[in-house]
C-alpha atoms as a PDB file:
ATOM      1  CA  UNK A   1     -29.867   9.962 -45.617  1.00  0.00           C
ATOM      2  CA  UNK A   2     -30.504   8.188 -42.274  1.00  0.00           C
ATOM      3  CA  UNK A   3     -31.167   4.869 -44.047  1.00  0.00           C
ATOM      4  CA  UNK A   4     -27.964   5.238 -46.070  1.00  0.00           C
ATOM      5  CA  UNK A   5     -25.912   6.016 -42.943  1.00  0.00           C
ATOM      6  CA  UNK A   6     -27.453   3.051 -41.104  1.00  0.00           C
ATOM      7  CA  UNK A   7     -26.708   0.703 -43.983  1.00  0.00           C
ATOM      8  CA  UNK A   8     -23.111   1.958 -44.084  1.00  0.00           C
ATOM      9  CA  UNK A   9     -22.809   1.406 -40.331  1.00  0.00           C
ATOM     10  CA  UNK A  10     -24.238  -2.128 -40.428  1.00  0.00           C
ATOM     11  CA  UNK A  11     -22.029  -3.063 -43.357  1.00  0.00           C
ATOM     12  CA  UNK A  12     -18.943  -1.621 -41.675  1.00  0.00           C
ATOM     13  CA  UNK A  13     -18.027   0.362 -44.775  1.00  0.00           C
ATOM     14  CA  UNK A  14     -14.738   2.195 -44.291  1.00  0.00           C
ATOM     15  CA  UNK A  15     -14.638   5.991 -44.215  1.00  0.00           C
ATOM     16  CA  UNK A  16     -11.843   8.363 -45.320  1.00  0.00           C
ATOM     17  CA  UNK A  17      -9.616   7.170 -42.455  1.00  0.00           C
ATOM     18  CA  UNK A  18      -9.650   3.625 -43.817  1.00  0.00           C
ATOM     19  CA  UNK A  19     -11.707   2.384 -40.866  1.00  0.00           C
ATOM     20  CA  UNK A  20     -15.397   1.889 -40.170  1.00  0.00           C
ATOM     21  CA  UNK A  21     -17.873   0.625 -37.592  1.00  0.00           C
ATOM     22  CA  UNK A  22     -16.455  -2.911 -37.692  1.00  0.00           C
ATOM     23  CA  UNK A  23     -12.833  -1.890 -37.111  1.00  0.00           C
ATOM     24  CA  UNK A  24     -11.361  -3.049 -33.803  1.00  0.00           C
ATOM     25  CA  UNK A  25      -9.036  -1.345 -31.356  1.00  0.00           C
ATOM     26  CA  UNK A  26      -6.320  -3.892 -32.155  1.00  0.00           C
ATOM     27  CA  UNK A  27      -6.518  -3.193 -35.903  1.00  0.00           C
ATOM     28  CA  UNK A  28      -6.423   0.557 -35.441  1.00  0.00           C
ATOM     29  CA  UNK A  29      -3.545   0.461 -32.965  1.00  0.00           C
ATOM     30  CA  UNK A  30      -1.405  -1.904 -35.050  1.00  0.00           C
ATOM     31  CA  UNK A  31      -1.760   0.415 -38.017  1.00  0.00           C
ATOM     32  CA  UNK A  32      -0.731   3.358 -35.799  1.00  0.00           C
ATOM     33  CA  UNK A  33       2.415   1.669 -34.532  1.00  0.00           C
ATOM     34  CA  UNK A  34       5.419   3.925 -34.323  1.00  0.00           C
ATOM     35  CA  UNK A  35       8.698   3.966 -32.407  1.00  0.00           C
ATOM     36  CA  UNK A  36       7.472   6.686 -30.035  1.00  0.00           C
ATOM     37  CA  UNK A  37       4.605   4.624 -28.603  1.00  0.00           C
ATOM     38  CA  UNK A  38       6.871   2.885 -26.108  1.00  0.00           C
ATOM     39  CA  UNK A  39       7.642   6.300 -24.606  1.00  0.00           C
ATOM     40  CA  UNK A  40       4.022   7.391 -24.176  1.00  0.00           C
ATOM     41  CA  UNK A  41       2.113   7.694 -20.912  1.00  0.00           C
ATOM     42  CA  UNK A  42      -1.685   7.672 -20.863  1.00  0.00           C
ATOM     43  CA  UNK A  43      -4.285   8.221 -18.162  1.00  0.00           C
ATOM     44  CA  UNK A  44      -7.591   6.453 -18.846  1.00  0.00           C
ATOM     45  CA  UNK A  45     -10.635   7.012 -16.648  1.00  0.00           C
ATOM     46  CA  UNK A  46     -13.230   4.261 -16.415  1.00  0.00           C
ATOM     47  CA  UNK A  47     -10.605   1.660 -17.296  1.00  0.00           C
ATOM     48  CA  UNK A  48     -11.796  -1.043 -14.907  1.00  0.00           C
ATOM     49  CA  UNK A  49     -14.427  -2.340 -17.334  1.00  0.00           C
ATOM     50  CA  UNK A  50     -15.855  -2.086 -20.836  1.00  0.00           C
ATOM     51  CA  UNK A  51     -14.383   0.238 -23.426  1.00  0.00           C
ATOM     52  CA  UNK A  52     -11.917   1.753 -20.956  1.00  0.00           C
ATOM     53  CA  UNK A  53     -10.459  -1.613 -19.975  1.00  0.00           C
ATOM     54  CA  UNK A  54     -10.132  -2.615 -23.637  1.00  0.00           C
ATOM     55  CA  UNK A  55      -8.451   0.688 -24.476  1.00  0.00           C
ATOM     56  CA  UNK A  56      -6.006   0.157 -21.615  1.00  0.00           C
ATOM     57  CA  UNK A  57      -5.302  -3.429 -22.709  1.00  0.00           C
ATOM     58  CA  UNK A  58      -4.635  -2.556 -26.333  1.00  0.00           C
ATOM     59  CA  UNK A  59      -2.507   0.515 -25.616  1.00  0.00           C
ATOM     60  CA  UNK A  60      -0.496  -1.358 -22.966  1.00  0.00           C
ATOM     61  CA  UNK A  61       0.030  -4.243 -25.376  1.00  0.00           C
ATOM     62  CA  UNK A  62       1.655  -1.749 -27.723  1.00  0.00           C
ATOM     63  CA  UNK A  63       4.030  -0.291 -25.150  1.00  0.00           C
ATOM     64  CA  UNK A  64       2.086   2.649 -23.726  1.00  0.00           C
ATOM     65  CA  UNK A  65       2.477   3.162 -19.980  1.00  0.00           C
ATOM     66  CA  UNK A  66      -1.038   3.167 -18.500  1.00  0.00           C
ATOM     67  CA  UNK A  67      -2.274   5.020 -15.428  1.00  0.00           C
ATOM     68  CA  UNK A  68      -5.635   3.778 -14.172  1.00  0.00           C
ATOM     69  CA  UNK A  69      -7.480   6.043 -11.716  1.00  0.00           C
ATOM     70  CA  UNK A  70     -10.027   3.863  -9.938  1.00  0.00           C
ATOM     71  CA  UNK A  71     -12.529   4.070  -7.129  1.00  0.00           C
ATOM     72  CA  UNK A  72     -12.336   0.291  -6.724  1.00  0.00           C
ATOM     73  CA  UNK A  73      -8.652  -0.617  -6.546  1.00  0.00           C
ATOM     74  CA  UNK A  74      -9.412  -4.340  -6.194  1.00  0.00           C
ATOM     75  CA  UNK A  75     -11.234  -4.309  -9.527  1.00  0.00           C
ATOM     76  CA  UNK A  76      -8.431  -2.204 -11.031  1.00  0.00           C
ATOM     77  CA  UNK A  77      -5.874  -4.763  -9.806  1.00  0.00           C
ATOM     78  CA  UNK A  78      -7.810  -7.513 -11.590  1.00  0.00           C
ATOM     79  CA  UNK A  79      -7.667  -5.514 -14.838  1.00  0.00           C
ATOM     80  CA  UNK A  80      -3.937  -4.942 -14.347  1.00  0.00           C
ATOM     81  CA  UNK A  81      -3.335  -8.656 -13.752  1.00  0.00           C
ATOM     82  CA  UNK A  82      -5.349  -9.571 -16.859  1.00  0.00           C
ATOM     83  CA  UNK A  83      -3.380  -7.109 -19.019  1.00  0.00           C
ATOM     84  CA  UNK A  84      -0.013  -8.275 -17.684  1.00  0.00           C
ATOM     85  CA  UNK A  85      -0.940 -11.925 -18.171  1.00  0.00           C
ATOM     86  CA  UNK A  86      -1.234 -11.111 -21.867  1.00  0.00           C
ATOM     87  CA  UNK A  87       1.559  -8.528 -21.962  1.00  0.00           C
ATOM     88  CA  UNK A  88       4.065  -9.250 -19.160  1.00  0.00           C
ATOM     89  CA  UNK A  89       6.135  -6.155 -19.945  1.00  0.00           C
ATOM     90  CA  UNK A  90       3.146  -3.807 -19.695  1.00  0.00           C
ATOM     91  CA  UNK A  91       3.563  -0.992 -17.187  1.00  0.00           C
ATOM     92  CA  UNK A  92       0.298  -0.323 -15.355  1.00  0.00           C
ATOM     93  CA  UNK A  93       0.043   2.076 -12.421  1.00  0.00           C
ATOM     94  CA  UNK A  94      -3.063   2.131 -10.242  1.00  0.00           C
ATOM     95  CA  UNK A  95      -4.094   5.206  -8.259  1.00  0.00           C
ATOM     96  CA  UNK A  96      -7.251   5.782  -6.281  1.00  0.00           C
ATOM     97  CA  UNK A  97      -9.806   8.288  -7.576  1.00  0.00           C
ATOM     98  CA  UNK A  98     -13.558   8.802  -7.355  1.00  0.00           C
ATOM     99  CA  UNK A  99     -14.494  10.936 -10.362  1.00  0.00           C
ATOM    100  CA  UNK A 100     -17.636  12.237  -8.627  1.00  0.00           C
ATOM    101  CA  UNK A 101     -15.551  13.704  -5.779  1.00  0.00           C
ATOM    102  CA  UNK A 102     -13.596  16.917  -6.317  1.00  0.00           C
ATOM    103  CA  UNK A 103     -11.378  16.186  -3.308  1.00  0.00           C
ATOM    104  CA  UNK A 104     -10.577  12.729  -4.672  1.00  0.00           C
ATOM    105  CA  UNK A 105      -9.673  14.184  -8.082  1.00  0.00           C
ATOM    106  CA  UNK A 106      -7.356  16.687  -6.382  1.00  0.00           C
ATOM    107  CA  UNK A 107      -5.621  13.897  -4.478  1.00  0.00           C
ATOM    108  CA  UNK A 108      -5.247  11.755  -7.593  1.00  0.00           C
ATOM    109  CA  UNK A 109      -3.661  14.616  -9.526  1.00  0.00           C
ATOM    110  CA  UNK A 110      -1.290  15.324  -6.637  1.00  0.00           C
ATOM    111  CA  UNK A 111      -0.365  11.629  -6.429  1.00  0.00           C
ATOM    112  CA  UNK A 112       0.193  11.358 -10.169  1.00  0.00           C
ATOM    113  CA  UNK A 113       2.236  14.549 -10.466  1.00  0.00           C
ATOM    114  CA  UNK A 114       4.427  13.443  -7.553  1.00  0.00           C
ATOM    115  CA  UNK A 115       5.551  10.448  -9.650  1.00  0.00           C
ATOM    116  CA  UNK A 116       7.419  12.799 -11.978  1.00  0.00           C
ATOM    117  CA  UNK A 117       6.113  11.056 -15.099  1.00  0.00           C
ATOM    118  CA  UNK A 118       5.311  12.704 -18.423  1.00  0.00           C
ATOM    119  CA  UNK A 119       1.717  12.774 -19.676  1.00  0.00           C
ATOM    120  CA  UNK A 120       1.020  12.461 -23.374  1.00  0.00           C
ATOM    121  CA  UNK A 121      -2.559  11.185 -23.511  1.00  0.00           C
ATOM    122  CA  UNK A 122      -5.599  11.829 -21.310  1.00  0.00           C
ATOM    123  CA  UNK A 123      -8.664   9.746 -22.126  1.00  0.00           C
ATOM    124  CA  UNK A 124     -11.774  10.989 -20.323  1.00  0.00           C
ATOM    125  CA  UNK A 125     -13.700   7.778 -20.819  1.00  0.00           C
ATOM    126  CA  UNK A 126     -15.654   7.099 -17.616  1.00  0.00           C
ATOM    127  CA  UNK A 127     -19.413   7.459 -17.803  1.00  0.00           C
ATOM    128  CA  UNK A 128     -22.253   7.138 -15.323  1.00  0.00           C
ATOM    129  CA  UNK A 129     -25.969   6.733 -15.945  1.00  0.00           C
ATOM    130  CA  UNK A 130     -27.839   7.334 -12.706  1.00  0.00           C
ATOM    131  CA  UNK A 131     -31.355   5.870 -12.643  1.00  0.00           C
ATOM    132  CA  UNK A 132     -32.595   8.202  -9.946  1.00  0.00           C
ATOM    133  CA  UNK A 133     -31.752  11.646  -8.699  1.00  0.00           C
ATOM    134  CA  UNK A 134     -28.772  11.422  -6.394  1.00  0.00           C
ATOM    135  CA  UNK A 135     -26.076  13.857  -5.381  1.00  0.00           C
ATOM    136  CA  UNK A 136     -22.316  13.698  -5.118  1.00  0.00           C
ATOM    137  CA  UNK A 137     -20.491  14.539  -1.895  1.00  0.00           C
ATOM    138  CA  UNK A 138     -20.111  18.029  -3.363  1.00  0.00           C
ATOM    139  CA  UNK A 139     -23.921  18.269  -3.540  1.00  0.00           C
ATOM    140  CA  UNK A 140     -24.124  18.176  -7.338  1.00  0.00           C
ATOM    141  CA  UNK A 141     -26.339  15.881  -9.412  1.00  0.00           C
ATOM    142  CA  UNK A 142     -24.347  12.668  -9.774  1.00  0.00           C
ATOM    143  CA  UNK A 143     -24.391  12.148 -13.546  1.00  0.00           C
ATOM    144  CA  UNK A 144     -23.306  15.722 -14.302  1.00  0.00           C
ATOM    145  CA  UNK A 145     -20.740  15.666 -11.474  1.00  0.00           C
ATOM    146  CA  UNK A 146     -19.139  12.470 -12.773  1.00  0.00           C
ATOM    147  CA  UNK A 147     -19.393  12.672 -16.541  1.00  0.00           C
ATOM    148  CA  UNK A 148     -18.686  16.358 -17.045  1.00  0.00           C
ATOM    149  CA  UNK A 149     -17.497  18.285 -13.995  1.00  0.00           C
ATOM    150  CA  UNK A 150     -15.142  15.558 -12.784  1.00  0.00           C
ATOM    151  CA  UNK A 151     -13.490  15.287 -16.183  1.00  0.00           C
ATOM    152  CA  UNK A 152     -13.301  19.077 -16.553  1.00  0.00           C
ATOM    153  CA  UNK A 153     -11.494  19.398 -13.211  1.00  0.00           C
ATOM    154  CA  UNK A 154      -9.208  16.445 -13.944  1.00  0.00           C
ATOM    155  CA  UNK A 155      -8.261  17.941 -17.312  1.00  0.00           C
ATOM    156  CA  UNK A 156      -7.585  21.392 -15.884  1.00  0.00           C
ATOM    157  CA  UNK A 157      -5.382  20.005 -13.117  1.00  0.00           C
ATOM    158  CA  UNK A 158      -3.321  17.918 -15.565  1.00  0.00           C
ATOM    159  CA  UNK A 159      -3.230  20.361 -18.476  1.00  0.00           C
ATOM    160  CA  UNK A 160      -0.036  22.069 -17.339  1.00  0.00           C
ATOM    161  CA  UNK A 161       1.772  18.709 -17.251  1.00  0.00           C
ATOM    162  CA  UNK A 162       0.477  17.834 -20.719  1.00  0.00           C
ATOM    163  CA  UNK A 163       1.583  21.150 -22.226  1.00  0.00           C
ATOM    164  CA  UNK A 164       4.976  20.781 -20.521  1.00  0.00           C
ATOM    165  CA  UNK A 165       5.412  17.193 -21.734  1.00  0.00           C
ATOM    166  CA  UNK A 166       4.565  18.145 -25.310  1.00  0.00           C
ATOM    167  CA  UNK A 167       7.007  21.065 -25.264  1.00  0.00           C
ATOM    168  CA  UNK A 168       9.867  18.999 -23.800  1.00  0.00           C
ATOM    169  CA  UNK A 169       9.344  15.830 -25.840  1.00  0.00           C
ATOM    170  CA  UNK A 170       8.141  17.286 -29.127  1.00  0.00           C
ATOM    171  CA  UNK A 171       5.352  14.691 -29.032  1.00  0.00           C
ATOM    172  CA  UNK A 172       1.856  16.080 -29.489  1.00  0.00           C
ATOM    173  CA  UNK A 173      -0.371  15.706 -26.436  1.00  0.00           C
ATOM    174  CA  UNK A 174      -3.885  14.401 -26.978  1.00  0.00           C
ATOM    175  CA  UNK A 175      -6.992  14.746 -24.833  1.00  0.00           C
ATOM    176  CA  UNK A 176     -10.008  12.614 -25.729  1.00  0.00           C
ATOM    177  CA  UNK A 177     -13.501  13.170 -24.341  1.00  0.00           C
ATOM    178  CA  UNK A 178     -15.678  10.108 -24.820  1.00  0.00           C
ATOM    179  CA  UNK A 179     -19.162  11.447 -25.481  1.00  0.00           C
ATOM    180  CA  UNK A 180     -22.225   9.868 -27.105  1.00  0.00           C
ATOM    181  CA  UNK A 181     -24.528  10.348 -30.076  1.00  0.00           C
ATOM    182  CA  UNK A 182     -27.257  10.832 -27.472  1.00  0.00           C
ATOM    183  CA  UNK A 183     -25.989  14.415 -27.086  1.00  0.00           C
ATOM    184  CA  UNK A 184     -28.135  15.181 -30.152  1.00  0.00           C
ATOM    185  CA  UNK A 185     -31.287  14.680 -28.076  1.00  0.00           C
ATOM    186  CA  UNK A 186     -30.644  17.815 -26.012  1.00  0.00           C
ATOM    187  CA  UNK A 187     -32.626  20.956 -26.807  1.00  0.00           C
ATOM    188  CA  UNK A 188     -31.108  24.378 -26.208  1.00  0.00           C
ATOM    189  CA  UNK A 189     -33.892  25.451 -23.834  1.00  0.00           C
ATOM    190  CA  UNK A 190     -33.186  22.423 -21.619  1.00  0.00           C
ATOM    191  CA  UNK A 191     -29.427  23.015 -21.415  1.00  0.00           C
ATOM    192  CA  UNK A 192     -29.170  25.161 -18.280  1.00  0.00           C
ATOM    193  CA  UNK A 193     -26.051  24.955 -16.110  1.00  0.00           C
ATOM    194  CA  UNK A 194     -27.722  25.708 -12.766  1.00  0.00           C
ATOM    195  CA  UNK A 195     -30.478  23.168 -13.433  1.00  0.00           C
ATOM    196  CA  UNK A 196     -27.930  20.515 -14.364  1.00  0.00           C
ATOM    197  CA  UNK A 197     -26.125  21.140 -11.080  1.00  0.00           C
ATOM    198  CA  UNK A 198     -29.295  20.864  -9.036  1.00  0.00           C
ATOM    199  CA  UNK A 199     -32.366  19.782 -11.046  1.00  0.00           C
ATOM    200  CA  UNK A 200     -35.844  20.275  -9.593  1.00  0.00           C
ATOM    201  CA  UNK A 201     -37.120  17.326 -11.597  1.00  0.00           C
ATOM    202  CA  UNK A 202     -35.037  14.454 -12.945  1.00  0.00           C
ATOM    203  CA  UNK A 203     -34.991  12.487 -16.156  1.00  0.00           C
ATOM    204  CA  UNK A 204     -32.122   9.991 -16.213  1.00  0.00           C
ATOM    205  CA  UNK A 205     -31.710   9.842 -19.995  1.00  0.00           C
ATOM    206  CA  UNK A 206     -31.871  13.619 -20.318  1.00  0.00           C
ATOM    207  CA  UNK A 207     -29.258  14.056 -17.573  1.00  0.00           C
ATOM    208  CA  UNK A 208     -26.943  11.611 -19.339  1.00  0.00           C
ATOM    209  CA  UNK A 209     -27.448  13.292 -22.718  1.00  0.00           C
ATOM    210  CA  UNK A 210     -26.775  16.735 -21.230  1.00  0.00           C
ATOM    211  CA  UNK A 211     -23.531  15.550 -19.654  1.00  0.00           C
ATOM    212  CA  UNK A 212     -22.408  14.118 -22.986  1.00  0.00           C
ATOM    213  CA  UNK A 213     -23.221  17.364 -24.792  1.00  0.00           C
ATOM    214  CA  UNK A 214     -21.171  19.182 -22.148  1.00  0.00           C
ATOM    215  CA  UNK A 215     -18.221  16.853 -22.927  1.00  0.00           C
ATOM    216  CA  UNK A 216     -18.251  17.972 -26.567  1.00  0.00           C
ATOM    217  CA  UNK A 217     -18.634  21.673 -25.750  1.00  0.00           C
ATOM    218  CA  UNK A 218     -15.728  21.297 -23.306  1.00  0.00           C
ATOM    219  CA  UNK A 219     -13.554  19.752 -26.024  1.00  0.00           C
ATOM    220  CA  UNK A 220     -14.384  22.475 -28.529  1.00  0.00           C
ATOM    221  CA  UNK A 221     -13.733  25.394 -26.159  1.00  0.00           C
ATOM    222  CA  UNK A 222     -10.542  23.858 -24.767  1.00  0.00           C
ATOM    223  CA  UNK A 223      -9.325  23.245 -28.318  1.00  0.00           C
ATOM    224  CA  UNK A 224      -9.791  26.940 -29.104  1.00  0.00           C
ATOM    225  CA  UNK A 225      -7.900  27.978 -25.986  1.00  0.00           C
ATOM    226  CA  UNK A 226      -5.015  25.577 -26.607  1.00  0.00           C
ATOM    227  CA  UNK A 227      -4.704  26.754 -30.207  1.00  0.00           C
ATOM    228  CA  UNK A 228      -4.705  30.385 -29.088  1.00  0.00           C
ATOM    229  CA  UNK A 229      -1.905  29.551 -26.654  1.00  0.00           C
ATOM    230  CA  UNK A 230       0.092  27.687 -29.331  1.00  0.00           C
ATOM    231  CA  UNK A 231       0.168  24.571 -27.155  1.00  0.00           C
ATOM    232  CA  UNK A 232       1.107  21.313 -28.868  1.00  0.00           C
ATOM    233  CA  UNK A 233      -1.914  19.572 -27.360  1.00  0.00           C
ATOM    234  CA  UNK A 234      -5.127  18.670 -29.162  1.00  0.00           C
ATOM    235  CA  UNK A 235      -8.528  17.772 -27.757  1.00  0.00           C
ATOM    236  CA  UNK A 236     -11.333  15.945 -29.528  1.00  0.00           C
ATOM    237  CA  UNK A 237     -14.603  14.253 -28.618  1.00  0.00           C
ATOM    238  CA  UNK A 238     -16.070  11.022 -29.902  1.00  0.00           C
ATOM    239  CA  UNK A 239     -19.002   8.640 -29.945  1.00  0.00           C
ATOM    240  CA  UNK A 240     -17.714   5.080 -29.386  1.00  0.00           C
ATOM    241  CA  UNK A 241     -20.839   3.450 -30.801  1.00  0.00           C
ATOM    242  CA  UNK A 242     -23.533   1.539 -28.973  1.00  0.00           C
ATOM    243  CA  UNK A 243     -21.635  -1.059 -27.007  1.00  0.00           C
ATOM    244  CA  UNK A 244     -22.988  -3.690 -24.647  1.00  0.00           C
ATOM    245  CA  UNK A 245     -21.324  -2.249 -21.540  1.00  0.00           C
ATOM    246  CA  UNK A 246     -22.467  -1.262 -18.053  1.00  0.00           C
ATOM    247  CA  UNK A 247     -24.095   1.878 -19.443  1.00  0.00           C
ATOM    248  CA  UNK A 248     -26.406  -0.208 -21.660  1.00  0.00           C
ATOM    249  CA  UNK A 249     -27.234  -2.463 -18.715  1.00  0.00           C
ATOM    250  CA  UNK A 250     -28.160   0.619 -16.724  1.00  0.00           C
ATOM    251  CA  UNK A 251     -30.750   1.508 -19.363  1.00  0.00           C
ATOM    252  CA  UNK A 252     -32.681  -1.742 -18.922  1.00  0.00           C
ATOM    253  CA  UNK A 253     -36.003  -1.092 -17.294  1.00  0.00           C
ATOM    254  CA  UNK A 254     -36.108   2.384 -18.821  1.00  0.00           C
ATOM    255  CA  UNK A 255     -36.590   1.340 -22.444  1.00  0.00           C
ATOM    256  CA  UNK A 256     -38.920  -1.243 -23.939  1.00  0.00           C
ATOM    257  CA  UNK A 257     -37.972  -4.772 -24.960  1.00  0.00           C
ATOM    258  CA  UNK A 258     -38.669  -3.913 -28.620  1.00  0.00           C
ATOM    259  CA  UNK A 259     -36.231  -1.007 -28.494  1.00  0.00           C
ATOM    260  CA  UNK A 260     -33.691  -3.244 -26.726  1.00  0.00           C
ATOM    261  CA  UNK A 261     -34.064  -5.722 -29.613  1.00  0.00           C
ATOM    262  CA  UNK A 262     -33.473  -3.027 -32.229  1.00  0.00           C
ATOM    263  CA  UNK A 263     -30.491  -1.689 -30.299  1.00  0.00           C
ATOM    264  CA  UNK A 264     -29.021  -5.199 -30.120  1.00  0.00           C
ATOM    265  CA  UNK A 265     -28.748  -5.196 -33.915  1.00  0.00           C
ATOM    266  CA  UNK A 266     -26.622  -2.046 -33.734  1.00  0.00           C
ATOM    267  CA  UNK A 267     -24.376  -3.112 -30.857  1.00  0.00           C
ATOM    268  CA  UNK A 268     -20.632  -3.116 -31.324  1.00  0.00           C
ATOM    269  CA  UNK A 269     -18.251  -5.477 -29.592  1.00  0.00           C
ATOM    270  CA  UNK A 270     -16.190  -3.885 -26.854  1.00  0.00           C
ATOM    271  CA  UNK A 271     -13.113  -4.002 -29.099  1.00  0.00           C
ATOM    272  CA  UNK A 272     -15.017  -2.227 -31.877  1.00  0.00           C
ATOM    273  CA  UNK A 273     -16.262   0.310 -29.323  1.00  0.00           C
ATOM    274  CA  UNK A 274     -12.711   1.119 -28.236  1.00  0.00           C
ATOM    275  CA  UNK A 275     -11.452   1.551 -31.807  1.00  0.00           C
ATOM    276  CA  UNK A 276     -12.348   5.224 -32.226  1.00  0.00           C
ATOM    277  CA  UNK A 277     -10.682   6.122 -28.919  1.00  0.00           C
ATOM    278  CA  UNK A 278      -7.491   4.346 -29.979  1.00  0.00           C
ATOM    279  CA  UNK A 279      -7.595   5.988 -33.413  1.00  0.00           C
ATOM    280  CA  UNK A 280      -7.981   9.509 -32.038  1.00  0.00           C
ATOM    281  CA  UNK A 281      -5.333   8.854 -29.364  1.00  0.00           C
ATOM    282  CA  UNK A 282      -2.643   7.418 -31.630  1.00  0.00           C
ATOM    283  CA  UNK A 283      -3.261   7.934 -35.334  1.00  0.00           C
ATOM    284  CA  UNK A 284      -0.549   9.965 -37.095  1.00  0.00           C
ATOM    285  CA  UNK A 285      -3.261  11.048 -39.530  1.00  0.00           C
ATOM    286  CA  UNK A 286      -4.918  13.134 -36.816  1.00  0.00           C
ATOM    287  CA  UNK A 287      -2.171  15.731 -37.260  1.00  0.00           C
ATOM    288  CA  UNK A 288      -3.286  19.047 -35.796  1.00  0.00           C
ATOM    289  CA  UNK A 289      -6.985  18.099 -35.823  1.00  0.00           C
ATOM    290  CA  UNK A 290      -8.533  19.555 -32.684  1.00  0.00           C
ATOM    291  CA  UNK A 291     -12.019  20.475 -31.479  1.00  0.00           C
ATOM    292  CA  UNK A 292     -13.685  17.864 -33.691  1.00  0.00           C
ATOM    293  CA  UNK A 293     -16.135  15.031 -33.121  1.00  0.00           C
ATOM    294  CA  UNK A 294     -15.521  11.454 -34.281  1.00  0.00           C
ATOM    295  CA  UNK A 295     -17.518   8.268 -34.751  1.00  0.00           C
ATOM    296  CA  UNK A 296     -16.411   4.969 -36.287  1.00  0.00           C
ATOM    297  CA  UNK A 297     -12.831   6.315 -36.509  1.00  0.00           C
ATOM    298  CA  UNK A 298     -13.867   9.166 -38.806  1.00  0.00           C
ATOM    299  CA  UNK A 299     -14.861  12.787 -38.335  1.00  0.00           C
ATOM    300  CA  UNK A 300     -18.596  13.011 -37.895  1.00  0.00           C
ATOM    301  CA  UNK A 301     -21.162  15.822 -37.607  1.00  0.00           C
ATOM    302  CA  UNK A 302     -22.395  16.642 -34.125  1.00  0.00           C
ATOM    303  CA  UNK A 303     -25.520  18.611 -33.234  1.00  0.00           C
ATOM    304  CA  UNK A 304     -26.007  22.303 -34.002  1.00  0.00           C
ATOM    305  CA  UNK A 305     -25.978  22.975 -30.253  1.00  0.00           C
ATOM    306  CA  UNK A 306     -22.686  21.098 -29.836  1.00  0.00           C
ATOM    307  CA  UNK A 307     -21.185  23.362 -32.511  1.00  0.00           C
ATOM    308  CA  UNK A 308     -22.403  26.550 -30.857  1.00  0.00           C
ATOM    309  CA  UNK A 309     -19.305  28.548 -29.869  1.00  0.00           C
ATOM    310  CA  UNK A 310     -21.301  30.887 -27.639  1.00  0.00           C
ATOM    311  CA  UNK A 311     -22.742  27.959 -25.673  1.00  0.00           C
ATOM    312  CA  UNK A 312     -19.298  26.372 -25.376  1.00  0.00           C
ATOM    313  CA  UNK A 313     -17.759  29.571 -24.065  1.00  0.00           C
ATOM    314  CA  UNK A 314     -20.641  30.171 -21.656  1.00  0.00           C
ATOM    315  CA  UNK A 315     -20.433  26.627 -20.281  1.00  0.00           C
ATOM    316  CA  UNK A 316     -16.661  26.999 -19.856  1.00  0.00           C
ATOM    317  CA  UNK A 317     -17.034  30.259 -17.941  1.00  0.00           C
ATOM    318  CA  UNK A 318     -19.798  28.880 -15.720  1.00  0.00           C
ATOM    319  CA  UNK A 319     -17.761  25.766 -14.975  1.00  0.00           C
ATOM    320  CA  UNK A 320     -14.594  27.708 -14.186  1.00  0.00           C
ATOM    321  CA  UNK A 321     -16.588  30.003 -11.915  1.00  0.00           C
ATOM    322  CA  UNK A 322     -17.980  26.988 -10.047  1.00  0.00           C
ATOM    323  CA  UNK A 323     -14.487  25.657  -9.388  1.00  0.00           C
ATOM    324  CA  UNK A 324     -12.868  28.996  -8.561  1.00  0.00           C
ATOM    325  CA  UNK A 325     -15.679  29.735  -6.120  1.00  0.00           C
ATOM    326  CA  UNK A 326     -14.859  26.440  -4.400  1.00  0.00           C
ATOM    327  CA  UNK A 327     -11.137  27.368  -4.560  1.00  0.00           C
ATOM    328  CA  UNK A 328     -10.351  24.298  -6.617  1.00  0.00           C
ATOM    329  CA  UNK A 329      -8.999  26.296  -9.552  1.00  0.00           C
ATOM    330  CA  UNK A 330      -7.319  29.689  -9.631  1.00  0.00           C
ATOM    331  CA  UNK A 331      -9.109  32.596 -11.329  1.00  0.00           C
ATOM    332  CA  UNK A 332      -7.887  33.243 -14.857  1.00  0.00           C
ATOM    333  CA  UNK A 333      -6.062  36.472 -15.647  1.00  0.00           C
END
């Protein structure tokens, strides 16, 4: 089964969606073209490099207004200039945000909401792989703070605007959590919220994998809540593929040269890596699909733990409690 899946991946064989591992963001987006795209607004985290920058470029090229939250506004300005050199009519708005800082996320959301713009698409794309144990300004392990908690808080603070936009425009809102196949490495006994906040010992790959599992569980629980509330907003998670981005560079020194060589044979181009994000964000074939996991522009199985509704609900409750205790979110009910 694994050999068959690998052969299919390497050959780029198309799945039920009509796309496969070799499909590019440009191909997917062109096939998703519709008259409403020019009226869409998308926020993309981690859009100053790699998959995020390519997603921003391709969506902007097709008329989507792009909001880029960035810690480094100089780097973000370079991305904006590059996009507008190719697409002069592209509307790109830059706002400062450090995803590892709860205060910075609050300020970004306040700044964005003050613009009075709609919000149709939220792409939680940014990812951090921290080599060593380090803590955010909120005294939380950096990888978990950035990859999971930061995106959870950002989503919660913008969810009201997304639900409102969908209701007023009649256009379905879409939230995309960019995860990773590495989530399958996590064992249930190692997935402990308090230990992820403040680990006594640290394994960089494990911390990254745990944060990516949390991204999927977040998507699944939020999807259930949105469906229960009859909101016209969907949320899905995805694995972009193994792409030669900053995350892969961060791994060097932690994996052997032989493994690096094998991985190189599986690497996607950045445009191929951004394809699944663009498909889930724009495809009319997604319909009411919510709470699912995608890879290579097709629905894909995730781990048993990622499908565990009890774990998803427990993680949600623990996360909400963390933020309400810090008075960053209001208690529910």
